[in-house]
Amino acid sequence: MPASATYKTYLSFRDNLGRLRRCIRVDITGLANGANTIAHGITQPNQPSVGATPKDEFFVPTSAVTAHCTQFADATNLYYTIDAGAGTTASVFLVV
């Protein structure tokens, strides 16, 4: 079974150039050993049919897991490789 994700916006703020940014926590379940591609489902607030590309990404394991980012997140997916631990969970904090 592939990994799945749900997200919640924690705060909104304006960066130093006045652009509106959101800090979002993505909770991931069902991570398996090896490479994982996880659809995050985050969209742009003014264009709900367009995915949002994160500017920053912070991985926080919520179970015993050794992992690393395979590649930086794009507008549709997160990419993580699990080195040890199956059926694991994690949270990823994104700024979009």
C-alpha atoms as a PDB file:
ATOM      1  CA  MET A   1       0.000   0.000   0.000  1.00  0.00           C
ATOM      2  CA  PRO A   2       1.468   3.378  -0.955  1.00  0.00           C
ATOM      3  CA  ALA A   3       2.071   6.110   1.571  1.00  0.00           C
ATOM      4  CA  SER A   4      -0.717   8.631   2.037  1.00  0.00           C
ATOM      5  CA  ALA A   5      -0.751  12.182   3.335  1.00  0.00           C
ATOM      6  CA  THR A   6      -3.091  14.720   4.888  1.00  0.00           C
ATOM      7  CA  TYR A   7      -2.241  18.361   5.497  1.00  0.00           C
ATOM      8  CA  LYS A   8      -3.219  21.274   7.697  1.00  0.00           C
ATOM      9  CA  THR A   9      -2.265  24.942   7.410  1.00  0.00           C
ATOM     10  CA  TYR A  10      -0.756  26.152  10.690  1.00  0.00           C
ATOM     11  CA  LEU A  11      -0.124  29.782   9.954  1.00  0.00           C
ATOM     12  CA  SER A  12       0.009  32.361   7.216  1.00  0.00           C
ATOM     13  CA  PHE A  13       2.494  35.215   7.032  1.00  0.00           C
ATOM     14  CA  ARG A  14       4.027  37.722   4.655  1.00  0.00           C
ATOM     15  CA  ASP A  15       7.668  37.351   3.707  1.00  0.00           C
ATOM     16  CA  ASN A  16      10.098  40.283   3.507  1.00  0.00           C
ATOM     17  CA  LEU A  17       8.846  41.064  -0.025  1.00  0.00           C
ATOM     18  CA  GLY A  18       5.210  41.158   1.084  1.00  0.00           C
ATOM     19  CA  ARG A  19       4.216  37.811  -0.501  1.00  0.00           C
ATOM     20  CA  LEU A  20       1.675  35.713   1.378  1.00  0.00           C
ATOM     21  CA  ARG A  21       3.186  32.398   2.590  1.00  0.00           C
ATOM     22  CA  ARG A  22       1.658  29.454   4.459  1.00  0.00           C
ATOM     23  CA  CYS A  23       3.289  27.037   6.891  1.00  0.00           C
ATOM     24  CA  ILE A  24       1.690  23.629   6.367  1.00  0.00           C
ATOM     25  CA  ARG A  25       2.164  20.337   8.202  1.00  0.00           C
ATOM     26  CA  VAL A  26       1.786  17.213   6.061  1.00  0.00           C
ATOM     27  CA  ASP A  27       1.215  14.019   8.067  1.00  0.00           C
ATOM     28  CA  ILE A  28       2.380  10.906   6.206  1.00  0.00           C
ATOM     29  CA  THR A  29       1.427   7.310   7.002  1.00  0.00           C
ATOM     30  CA  GLY A  30       2.354   4.002   5.404  1.00  0.00           C
ATOM     31  CA  LEU A  31       5.969   4.751   4.525  1.00  0.00           C
ATOM     32  CA  ALA A  32       7.827   1.655   3.329  1.00  0.00           C
ATOM     33  CA  ASN A  33      11.539   0.846   3.187  1.00  0.00           C
ATOM     34  CA  GLY A  34      13.148   2.296   0.076  1.00  0.00           C
ATOM     35  CA  ALA A  35      12.038   5.195  -2.085  1.00  0.00           C
ATOM     36  CA  ASN A  36       8.603   6.736  -1.420  1.00  0.00           C
ATOM     37  CA  THR A  37       6.724   9.229  -3.574  1.00  0.00           C
ATOM     38  CA  ILE A  38       3.936  10.860  -1.571  1.00  0.00           C
ATOM     39  CA  ALA A  39       1.258  13.054  -3.162  1.00  0.00           C
ATOM     40  CA  HIS A  40       0.870  16.076  -0.838  1.00  0.00           C
ATOM     41  CA  GLY A  41      -2.286  17.579  -2.387  1.00  0.00           C
ATOM     42  CA  ILE A  42      -1.411  21.192  -1.531  1.00  0.00           C
ATOM     43  CA  THR A  43      -2.801  23.743  -3.974  1.00  0.00           C
ATOM     44  CA  GLN A  44      -2.347  27.443  -4.512  1.00  0.00           C
ATOM     45  CA  PRO A  45      -5.021  29.391  -2.581  1.00  0.00           C
ATOM     46  CA  ASN A  46      -5.991  31.568  -5.544  1.00  0.00           C
ATOM     47  CA  GLN A  47      -5.857  28.673  -8.075  1.00  0.00           C
ATOM     48  CA  PRO A  48      -7.191  25.456  -6.474  1.00  0.00           C
ATOM     49  CA  SER A  49      -6.529  23.408  -9.618  1.00  0.00           C
ATOM     50  CA  VAL A  50      -2.778  24.221  -9.532  1.00  0.00           C
ATOM     51  CA  GLY A  51      -0.344  22.526  -7.136  1.00  0.00           C
ATOM     52  CA  ALA A  52       1.820  24.641  -4.843  1.00  0.00           C
ATOM     53  CA  THR A  53       5.597  24.173  -4.933  1.00  0.00           C
ATOM     54  CA  PRO A  54       7.127  24.385  -1.426  1.00  0.00           C
ATOM     55  CA  LYS A  55       9.887  26.913  -0.739  1.00  0.00           C
ATOM     56  CA  ASP A  56      11.169  25.122   2.404  1.00  0.00           C
ATOM     57  CA  GLU A  57      10.787  21.545   3.631  1.00  0.00           C
ATOM     58  CA  PHE A  58      11.488  20.077   7.101  1.00  0.00           C
ATOM     59  CA  PHE A  59      11.120  16.316   7.783  1.00  0.00           C
ATOM     60  CA  VAL A  60      10.151  15.271  11.332  1.00  0.00           C
ATOM     61  CA  PRO A  61       9.864  11.510  11.970  1.00  0.00           C
ATOM     62  CA  THR A  62       7.009  10.590  14.317  1.00  0.00           C
ATOM     63  CA  SER A  63       8.136   6.969  14.673  1.00  0.00           C
ATOM     64  CA  ALA A  64      11.485   5.160  14.793  1.00  0.00           C
ATOM     65  CA  VAL A  65      12.772   5.716  11.277  1.00  0.00           C
ATOM     66  CA  THR A  66      15.961   6.622   9.482  1.00  0.00           C
ATOM     67  CA  ALA A  67      15.163   8.584   6.340  1.00  0.00           C
ATOM     68  CA  HIS A  68      16.492  11.132   3.909  1.00  0.00           C
ATOM     69  CA  CYS A  69      15.009  13.414   1.275  1.00  0.00           C
ATOM     70  CA  THR A  70      15.471  11.858  -2.170  1.00  0.00           C
ATOM     71  CA  GLN A  71      14.721  15.123  -3.965  1.00  0.00           C
ATOM     72  CA  PHE A  72      13.080  18.398  -3.015  1.00  0.00           C
ATOM     73  CA  ALA A  73       9.273  18.515  -3.176  1.00  0.00           C
ATOM     74  CA  ASP A  74       7.573  19.657  -6.343  1.00  0.00           C
ATOM     75  CA  ALA A  75       4.021  20.927  -6.987  1.00  0.00           C
ATOM     76  CA  THR A  76       2.479  17.468  -6.513  1.00  0.00           C
ATOM     77  CA  ASN A  77       4.773  15.142  -4.533  1.00  0.00           C
ATOM     78  CA  LEU A  78       7.203  14.701  -1.636  1.00  0.00           C
ATOM     79  CA  TYR A  79      10.146  12.330  -2.132  1.00  0.00           C
ATOM     80  CA  TYR A  80      11.695  10.415   0.778  1.00  0.00           C
ATOM     81  CA  THR A  81      13.774   7.272   1.062  1.00  0.00           C
ATOM     82  CA  ILE A  82      13.336   5.210   4.223  1.00  0.00           C
ATOM     83  CA  ASP A  83      16.607   3.567   5.199  1.00  0.00           C
ATOM     84  CA  ALA A  84      15.267   1.683   8.236  1.00  0.00           C
ATOM     85  CA  GLY A  85      11.755   1.087   9.565  1.00  0.00           C
ATOM     86  CA  ALA A  86       8.597  -0.014   7.723  1.00  0.00           C
ATOM     87  CA  GLY A  87       5.021   1.132   8.166  1.00  0.00           C
ATOM     88  CA  THR A  88       6.426   4.332   9.556  1.00  0.00           C
ATOM     89  CA  THR A  89       4.875   7.748  10.008  1.00  0.00           C
ATOM     90  CA  ALA A  90       6.323  11.226   9.679  1.00  0.00           C
ATOM     91  CA  SER A  91       5.388  14.868   9.465  1.00  0.00           C
ATOM     92  CA  VAL A  92       6.806  17.279   6.943  1.00  0.00           C
ATOM     93  CA  PHE A  93       6.563  21.012   7.492  1.00  0.00           C
ATOM     94  CA  LEU A  94       6.385  23.001   4.265  1.00  0.00           C
ATOM     95  CA  VAL A  95       6.420  26.708   3.501  1.00  0.00           C
ATOM     96  CA  VAL A  96       4.469  27.498   0.346  1.00  0.00           C
END
